Amino acid sequence: MSINPLLASVETPPVALVQSWVKERDFPEGRPLLDLAQAAPGWPMAAPLVAHITEAIQKPETARYAPILGEQPLRQALADEMAALYGGNIQAENVAITSGCNQAYVAAVMALAKEGDAVMLPTPWYFNHKMTLDMFGIDAIPLPCAADAGMLPDVDAAERLITPSTRAIVLVTPNNPTGAIYPGSLIQQFVALAEAHGIKLIIDETYRDFIPAGGAPHDAFKAGAWADTVIQLYSFSKAYAMPGLRVGAVTAGTNVIALVQKALDSIAICANGAGQAAAHYGIRSLSEWRNGKRQEMALRLAAFQQAMKPIANQFPIVSAGAFFAYCRHPFDLSALEAAKLLADEGSIMAMPGSAFGPGQEQMLRFAFGNLAPEAAAAVGERLAALAR
């Protein structure tokens, strides 16, 4: 049988693997499953958003093809919101609406690189970013992020790793899997680095809406020539608790957007109408609700950190923020075996660090979006029991 060897070599989707461990299993009474594996909000969509979608799907135009780059009112609304948040000149023509942020990343990579080229990924990396590069035959250049540096990438180290084949550097902030929030000054240094070498800087800001309030996350869009260097990826999934509706965005120069359009037309043609209607409504009407969820996630993070304090020696938190905590585990096991132990003996789903790249065998990622503050103590208690 003839198959694509590049795709065949890509790892199995790690979230699906972890979920398979608990599928159709019964858990002891008093120790229900705690899902800290997949990064999804643990609350439903806002009631007004549900009502809006219900109305939208009754309109015939909602089920028709949308423009490839997205509905113009949504593109304009996102451009206006970003211009207000970041400053700088961002227009609707700089925005492409995608079927989730993963598709935004795939389309951006397709626009920039071909087989044999290279893209730099800070490690630990987001596994789908690496999987995408592998399936296209694009080399991933690991940029290690150290715990003693707050899991932040180093600009000087990145410059040493750039080769003639390098087409882009990818940053993820707030970071998945570490939760680290990159300072605006650091992002600006990477903008300057990419600009100096004539490559692109892709900034994945899927979890932007969960940064503590207080000014722009960075100033990358303020430069008049930002579109020559910067590509930003965004997701509506987390901000509005609608991951299943699959709506994301690419913001870039119009030359890149023209290439993204070709990729999107060949993958899904357009993001679905109900999801686009929901995203547009969210931008226009749910800023207060969204800010409330930002505060709720901060409470969940604080509750998780408090629950982990008694076992800080066994499960030290290396980095945490937004949706994630990245922790060392104490077991003489691989990361995959440790995560399986948590599922089997602790009724806790967590992601093994090995899913996020080399050198991560002692790490586990906990996504606490599903963890209500009152349930956090149970995580600490179960992990303490396993450590004993």
Protein backbone atom coordinates (compact mmCIF):
# COMPACT_ATOMS: atom_id res chain seq x y z
CA MET A 1 0.00 0.00 0.00
CA SER A 2 1.36 3.42 -0.96
CA ILE A 3 1.18 5.99 1.84
CA ASN A 4 2.77 9.33 2.64
CA PRO A 5 5.86 8.51 4.73
CA LEU A 6 5.96 12.04 6.18
CA LEU A 7 2.45 11.74 7.57
CA ALA A 8 3.03 8.16 8.66
CA SER A 9 5.98 9.31 10.76
CA VAL A 10 4.00 11.95 12.64
CA GLU A 11 3.26 11.01 16.24
CA THR A 12 -0.21 9.91 17.33
CA PRO A 13 -2.26 12.86 18.61
CA PRO A 14 -1.27 12.82 22.29
CA VAL A 15 -4.55 14.13 23.73
CA ALA A 16 -6.42 11.29 22.03
CA LEU A 17 -3.92 8.81 23.47
CA VAL A 18 -4.40 10.07 27.03
CA GLN A 19 -8.18 10.10 26.60
CA SER A 20 -8.08 6.47 25.46
CA TRP A 21 -6.77 5.45 28.88
CA VAL A 22 -10.00 6.49 30.60
CA LYS A 23 -12.55 5.78 27.88
CA GLU A 24 -15.51 3.73 29.11
CA ARG A 25 -13.90 3.26 32.53
CA ASP A 26 -15.66 3.43 35.85
CA PHE A 27 -13.96 5.41 38.59
CA PRO A 28 -14.28 4.78 42.32
CA GLU A 29 -17.05 6.59 44.14
CA GLY A 30 -15.54 9.55 45.88
CA ARG A 31 -12.69 9.75 43.37
CA PRO A 32 -14.22 10.96 40.12
CA LEU A 33 -12.07 11.59 37.08
CA LEU A 34 -10.38 14.99 37.04
CA ASP A 35 -9.62 15.98 33.44
CA LEU A 36 -6.56 18.23 33.37
CA ALA A 37 -5.41 17.03 29.94
CA GLN A 38 -7.15 19.02 27.23
CA ALA A 39 -7.02 22.82 27.37
CA ALA A 40 -10.71 23.66 27.21
CA PRO A 41 -12.84 26.02 29.30
CA GLY A 42 -14.75 24.33 32.08
CA TRP A 43 -17.83 26.52 31.68
CA PRO A 44 -20.55 26.76 29.01
CA MET A 45 -21.00 29.51 26.48
CA ALA A 46 -22.67 32.68 27.70
CA ALA A 47 -26.46 32.40 27.54
CA PRO A 48 -26.81 35.42 25.22
CA LEU A 49 -24.29 33.81 22.86
CA VAL A 50 -26.32 30.59 22.79
CA ALA A 51 -29.42 32.61 21.98
CA HIS A 52 -27.60 34.45 19.22
CA ILE A 53 -26.35 31.23 17.60
CA THR A 54 -29.82 29.71 17.85
CA GLU A 55 -31.17 32.64 15.90
CA ALA A 56 -28.30 32.66 13.43
CA ILE A 57 -28.59 29.02 12.41
CA GLN A 58 -32.21 29.57 11.40
CA LYS A 59 -31.09 31.96 8.67
CA PRO A 60 -30.40 30.27 5.31
CA GLU A 61 -27.24 32.33 4.73
CA THR A 62 -25.62 30.85 7.84
CA ALA A 63 -25.43 27.44 6.15
CA ARG A 64 -24.02 28.76 2.89
CA TYR A 65 -20.38 29.17 1.99
CA ALA A 66 -18.79 32.17 3.61
CA PRO A 67 -16.03 34.16 1.91
CA ILE A 68 -12.77 32.21 2.04
CA LEU A 69 -11.08 34.75 4.31
CA GLY A 70 -14.12 35.11 6.54
CA GLU A 71 -17.15 37.33 6.85
CA GLN A 72 -16.14 40.94 6.39
CA PRO A 73 -17.90 42.24 9.56
CA LEU A 74 -15.98 39.71 11.67
CA ARG A 75 -12.65 40.52 10.00
CA GLN A 76 -13.27 44.22 10.60
CA ALA A 77 -14.36 43.68 14.21
CA LEU A 78 -11.25 41.67 15.03
CA ALA A 79 -8.99 44.19 13.29
CA ASP A 80 -10.60 47.03 15.27
CA GLU A 81 -10.29 45.13 18.56
CA MET A 82 -6.63 44.34 17.92
CA ALA A 83 -5.83 47.92 16.89
CA ALA A 84 -7.41 49.14 20.12
CA LEU A 85 -5.56 46.58 22.24
CA TYR A 86 -2.11 46.62 20.64
CA GLY A 87 -2.03 49.98 18.90
CA GLY A 88 -0.80 50.24 15.35
CA ASN A 89 -2.46 50.07 11.97
CA ILE A 90 -4.37 46.80 11.62
CA GLN A 91 -7.00 46.58 8.91
CA ALA A 92 -9.60 43.98 7.95
CA GLU A 93 -7.48 43.11 4.91
CA ASN A 94 -4.79 41.92 7.34
CA VAL A 95 -7.15 39.32 8.88
CA ALA A 96 -8.11 35.83 7.71
CA ILE A 97 -10.71 33.87 9.65
CA THR A 98 -9.88 30.16 9.97
CA SER A 99 -11.39 26.93 11.26
CA GLY A 100 -9.66 27.20 14.62
CA CYS A 101 -6.17 28.35 15.52
CA ASN A 102 -4.59 25.05 14.47
CA GLN A 103 -5.74 25.72 10.91
CA ALA A 104 -4.41 29.26 11.23
CA TYR A 105 -0.98 27.82 12.06
CA VAL A 106 -1.09 25.26 9.24
CA ALA A 107 -2.04 27.94 6.71
CA ALA A 108 0.68 30.31 7.94
CA VAL A 109 3.34 27.58 7.72
CA MET A 110 2.17 26.64 4.23
CA ALA A 111 2.53 30.28 3.22
CA LEU A 112 6.11 30.49 4.46
CA ALA A 113 7.93 27.19 4.13
CA LYS A 114 8.33 24.12 1.95
CA GLU A 115 9.90 20.71 2.42
CA GLY A 116 13.53 21.10 3.44
CA ASP A 117 13.05 24.54 5.00
CA ALA A 118 13.19 25.08 8.76
CA VAL A 119 11.05 26.74 11.43
CA MET A 120 12.27 27.43 14.98
CA LEU A 121 10.11 26.19 17.86
CA PRO A 122 10.89 26.95 21.51
CA THR A 123 10.92 23.74 23.55
CA PRO A 124 8.84 22.54 25.18
CA TRP A 125 6.74 23.10 22.07
CA TYR A 126 3.02 22.80 21.38
CA PHE A 127 2.78 19.33 19.88
CA ASN A 128 0.51 20.25 16.94
CA HIS A 129 3.06 22.84 15.82
CA LYS A 130 5.72 20.14 15.59
CA MET A 131 3.32 17.64 14.01
CA THR A 132 2.48 20.13 11.26
CA LEU A 133 6.14 20.69 10.42
CA ASP A 134 6.78 16.95 10.33
CA MET A 135 3.93 16.23 7.94
CA PHE A 136 5.22 18.88 5.52
CA GLY A 137 8.86 17.77 5.75
CA ILE A 138 9.89 21.07 7.36
CA ASP A 139 12.71 20.83 9.90
CA ALA A 140 11.90 21.93 13.44
CA ILE A 141 14.78 23.80 15.09
CA PRO A 142 14.45 23.33 18.89
CA LEU A 143 15.07 26.45 20.97
CA PRO A 144 15.36 25.19 24.57
CA CYS A 145 13.65 27.20 27.31
CA ALA A 146 15.14 26.67 30.78
CA ALA A 147 13.32 26.56 34.09
CA ASP A 148 15.81 28.95 35.67
CA ALA A 149 14.95 31.47 32.93
CA GLY A 150 11.24 31.25 33.66
CA MET A 151 10.73 28.99 30.62
CA LEU A 152 11.33 32.00 28.38
CA PRO A 153 13.20 31.69 25.07
CA ASP A 154 16.56 33.41 24.74
CA VAL A 155 17.06 35.79 21.83
CA ASP A 156 20.82 35.28 21.60
CA ALA A 157 20.42 31.51 21.56
CA ALA A 158 17.79 31.85 18.84
CA GLU A 159 20.10 33.95 16.69
CA ARG A 160 22.79 31.29 16.89
CA LEU A 161 20.32 28.68 15.65
CA ILE A 162 19.19 30.58 12.55
CA THR A 163 20.37 28.97 9.31
CA PRO A 164 19.91 29.88 5.63
CA SER A 165 16.95 27.47 5.62
CA THR A 166 15.13 29.15 8.51
CA ARG A 167 11.87 30.76 7.42
CA ALA A 168 10.23 31.64 10.73
CA ILE A 169 10.45 31.65 14.51
CA VAL A 170 7.34 30.63 16.45
CA LEU A 171 6.45 32.03 19.87
CA VAL A 172 3.46 30.95 21.96
CA THR A 173 2.34 33.33 24.69
CA PRO A 174 0.79 32.61 27.11
CA ASN A 175 2.66 29.43 26.47
CA ASN A 176 1.25 25.98 25.92
CA PRO A 177 2.42 23.84 27.73
CA THR A 178 4.23 25.94 30.36
CA GLY A 179 1.79 28.77 30.99
CA ALA A 180 4.67 31.27 30.79
CA ILE A 181 3.65 34.75 29.68
CA TYR A 182 6.33 36.39 27.55
CA PRO A 183 7.14 40.00 28.46
CA GLY A 184 6.44 42.53 25.74
CA SER A 185 10.09 43.56 25.76
CA LEU A 186 11.15 39.99 24.95
CA ILE A 187 8.69 39.76 22.06
CA GLN A 188 10.05 43.04 20.72
CA GLN A 189 13.57 41.59 20.76
CA PHE A 190 12.34 38.65 18.70
CA VAL A 191 10.63 41.01 16.27
CA ALA A 192 13.96 42.81 15.79
CA LEU A 193 15.78 39.48 15.38
CA ALA A 194 13.36 38.21 12.74
CA GLU A 195 13.44 41.54 10.94
CA ALA A 196 17.25 41.59 10.89
CA HIS A 197 17.37 38.12 9.30
CA GLY A 198 14.51 38.63 6.87
CA ILE A 199 12.34 35.89 8.37
CA LYS A 200 8.88 35.89 9.91
CA LEU A 201 7.91 35.87 13.57
CA ILE A 202 4.75 33.83 14.21
CA ILE A 203 3.15 34.72 17.55
CA ASP A 204 0.47 32.26 18.68
CA GLU A 205 -1.74 34.11 21.17
CA THR A 206 -4.49 31.54 21.62
CA TYR A 207 -4.64 32.28 25.38
CA ARG A 208 -4.24 36.06 25.10
CA ASP A 209 -7.56 36.71 26.84
CA PHE A 210 -6.29 35.16 30.07
CA ILE A 211 -3.32 37.44 30.60
CA PRO A 212 -3.89 39.57 33.73
CA ALA A 213 -5.47 42.83 32.60
CA GLY A 214 -3.24 45.85 32.20
CA GLY A 215 -2.18 47.17 28.83
CA ALA A 216 -1.14 45.60 25.55
CA PRO A 217 0.56 42.19 25.66
CA HIS A 218 3.30 43.60 23.40
CA ASP A 219 4.08 46.40 20.94
CA ALA A 220 4.80 44.28 17.86
CA PHE A 221 2.00 45.91 15.87
CA LYS A 222 3.01 49.50 16.60
CA ALA A 223 5.84 49.58 14.07
CA GLY A 224 4.74 50.92 10.72
CA ALA A 225 6.29 47.94 8.94
CA TRP A 226 4.94 45.26 11.30
CA ALA A 227 3.32 43.41 8.40
CA ASP A 228 6.74 42.69 6.87
CA THR A 229 7.70 40.52 9.84
CA VAL A 230 4.86 39.68 12.25
CA ILE A 231 2.19 37.00 11.87
CA GLN A 232 -0.24 36.63 14.76
CA LEU A 233 -2.48 33.63 15.39
CA TYR A 234 -5.61 33.81 17.54
CA SER A 235 -8.44 31.60 18.74
CA PHE A 236 -11.98 32.48 19.72
CA SER A 237 -12.36 29.04 21.33
CA LYS A 238 -11.14 29.79 24.83
CA ALA A 239 -12.30 33.38 25.18
CA TYR A 240 -15.93 32.49 24.39
CA ALA A 241 -15.96 28.81 25.50
CA MET A 242 -16.72 27.57 21.99
CA PRO A 243 -13.86 25.24 20.95
CA GLY A 244 -16.20 22.96 19.02
CA LEU A 245 -17.29 25.80 16.74
CA ARG A 246 -13.71 26.04 15.38
CA VAL A 247 -13.01 29.72 14.75
CA GLY A 248 -9.53 31.23 14.72
CA ALA A 249 -7.65 33.91 12.83
CA VAL A 250 -4.39 34.86 11.12
CA THR A 251 -3.31 38.50 11.18
CA ALA A 252 -0.49 39.29 8.77
CA GLY A 253 0.64 41.36 5.82
CA THR A 254 -1.66 41.26 2.80
CA ASN A 255 0.94 39.31 0.80
CA VAL A 256 0.82 36.51 3.39
CA ILE A 257 -2.98 36.69 3.63
CA ALA A 258 -3.18 36.17 -0.16
CA LEU A 259 -1.23 32.92 0.25
CA VAL A 260 -3.27 31.91 3.31
CA GLN A 261 -6.41 32.30 1.18
CA LYS A 262 -5.13 29.65 -1.23
CA ALA A 263 -4.40 27.25 1.62
CA LEU A 264 -7.79 27.78 3.27
CA ASP A 265 -9.67 27.25 0.01
CA SER A 266 -7.95 23.89 -0.33
CA ILE A 267 -8.53 22.75 3.27
CA ALA A 268 -11.97 23.80 4.46
CA ILE A 269 -12.98 26.64 2.08
CA CYS A 270 -14.29 28.72 4.97
CA ALA A 271 -14.93 28.70 8.70
CA ASN A 272 -18.47 27.65 9.53
CA GLY A 273 -21.18 30.27 9.56
CA ALA A 274 -22.50 29.67 13.07
CA GLY A 275 -19.03 29.93 14.53
CA GLN A 276 -18.32 33.17 12.71
CA ALA A 277 -21.62 34.61 13.88
CA ALA A 278 -20.73 33.62 17.43
CA ALA A 279 -17.26 35.17 17.21
CA HIS A 280 -18.64 38.44 15.85
CA TYR A 281 -21.26 38.60 18.60
CA GLY A 282 -18.60 37.86 21.21
CA ILE A 283 -16.39 40.73 20.11
CA ARG A 284 -19.32 43.16 20.00
CA SER A 285 -21.22 42.12 23.12
CA LEU A 286 -19.28 39.91 25.53
CA SER A 287 -16.23 41.91 26.65
CA GLU A 288 -17.50 42.09 30.23
CA TRP A 289 -18.30 38.35 30.27
CA ARG A 290 -14.87 37.61 28.81
CA ASN A 291 -13.14 39.69 31.49
CA GLY A 292 -15.10 37.81 34.14
CA LYS A 293 -13.78 34.52 32.81
CA ARG A 294 -10.26 35.94 32.86
CA GLN A 295 -10.72 36.55 36.58
CA GLU A 296 -12.22 33.09 37.07
CA MET A 297 -9.20 31.46 35.44
CA ALA A 298 -6.95 33.45 37.75
CA LEU A 299 -8.87 31.96 40.69
CA ARG A 300 -8.45 28.45 39.27
CA LEU A 301 -4.73 29.01 38.87
CA ALA A 302 -4.43 30.29 42.44
CA ALA A 303 -6.42 27.30 43.75
CA PHE A 304 -4.21 24.87 41.85
CA GLN A 305 -1.02 26.53 43.12
CA GLN A 306 -2.35 26.43 46.69
CA ALA A 307 -3.22 22.74 46.37
CA MET A 308 0.29 21.95 45.14
CA LYS A 309 2.14 23.74 47.95
CA PRO A 310 2.16 20.75 50.37
CA ILE A 311 3.77 18.58 47.67
CA ALA A 312 6.11 21.21 46.22
CA ASN A 313 9.11 18.97 46.83
CA GLN A 314 7.55 16.04 44.96
CA PHE A 315 5.75 17.97 42.19
CA PRO A 316 7.45 21.37 41.86
CA ILE A 317 5.70 23.83 39.55
CA VAL A 318 8.29 24.95 37.01
CA SER A 319 6.00 27.49 35.36
CA ALA A 320 2.31 28.40 35.45
CA GLY A 321 -0.11 30.90 33.99
CA ALA A 322 -3.22 31.35 31.83
CA PHE A 323 -4.47 27.74 31.32
CA PHE A 324 -1.45 25.66 32.34
CA ALA A 325 0.92 24.51 35.04
CA TYR A 326 4.09 22.67 34.05
CA CYS A 327 5.38 20.42 36.83
CA ARG A 328 8.14 17.94 37.49
CA HIS A 329 7.07 14.49 38.59
CA PRO A 330 8.96 12.43 41.22
CA PHE A 331 8.66 9.00 39.66
CA ASP A 332 11.40 6.85 38.19
CA LEU A 333 9.26 6.58 35.09
CA SER A 334 9.02 8.12 31.65
CA ALA A 335 6.62 11.03 31.30
CA LEU A 336 4.17 8.79 29.46
CA GLU A 337 4.33 6.16 32.19
CA ALA A 338 3.89 8.82 34.87
CA ALA A 339 0.83 10.24 33.14
CA LYS A 340 -0.61 6.72 32.81
CA LEU A 341 0.00 6.16 36.54
CA LEU A 342 -1.94 9.33 37.35
CA ALA A 343 -4.84 8.14 35.21
CA ASP A 344 -4.87 4.57 36.53
CA GLU A 345 -4.21 5.17 40.21
CA GLY A 346 -5.17 8.79 40.77
CA SER A 347 -8.09 9.31 38.37
CA ILE A 348 -6.26 12.38 37.04
CA MET A 349 -5.72 13.06 33.36
CA ALA A 350 -2.56 15.05 32.62
CA MET A 351 -0.37 15.38 29.56
CA PRO A 352 3.09 13.78 29.54
CA GLY A 353 5.95 16.20 29.00
CA SER A 354 7.32 13.97 26.24
CA ALA A 355 4.42 15.17 24.04
CA PHE A 356 6.07 18.60 24.04
CA GLY A 357 9.49 17.72 22.75
CA PRO A 358 12.92 16.43 23.79
CA GLY A 359 14.20 16.69 27.34
CA GLN A 360 10.74 16.68 28.92
CA GLU A 361 10.55 13.16 30.42
CA GLN A 362 10.33 14.44 34.01
CA MET A 363 7.50 16.86 33.20
CA LEU A 364 3.71 16.80 33.28
CA ARG A 365 1.31 19.46 31.99
CA PHE A 366 -1.83 20.23 33.94
CA ALA A 367 -4.56 22.27 32.21
CA PHE A 368 -6.76 23.66 34.95
CA GLY A 369 -9.50 25.21 32.80
CA ASN A 370 -11.69 22.23 33.71
CA LEU A 371 -10.77 22.37 37.39
CA ALA A 372 -13.22 24.24 39.59
CA PRO A 373 -11.43 25.96 42.50
CA GLU A 374 -13.23 23.77 45.03
CA ALA A 375 -11.91 20.63 43.31
CA ALA A 376 -8.27 21.73 43.30
CA ALA A 377 -7.52 20.33 46.75
CA ALA A 378 -8.38 16.84 45.50
CA VAL A 379 -5.59 17.07 42.91
CA GLY A 380 -2.99 17.78 45.59
CA GLU A 381 -4.30 15.02 47.84
CA ARG A 382 -4.29 12.39 45.08
CA LEU A 383 -0.82 13.35 43.88
CA ALA A 384 0.50 13.24 47.46
CA ALA A 385 -0.87 9.72 47.82
CA LEU A 386 0.80 8.63 44.59
CA ALA A 387 4.12 10.16 45.63
CA ARG A 388 4.06 8.12 48.82
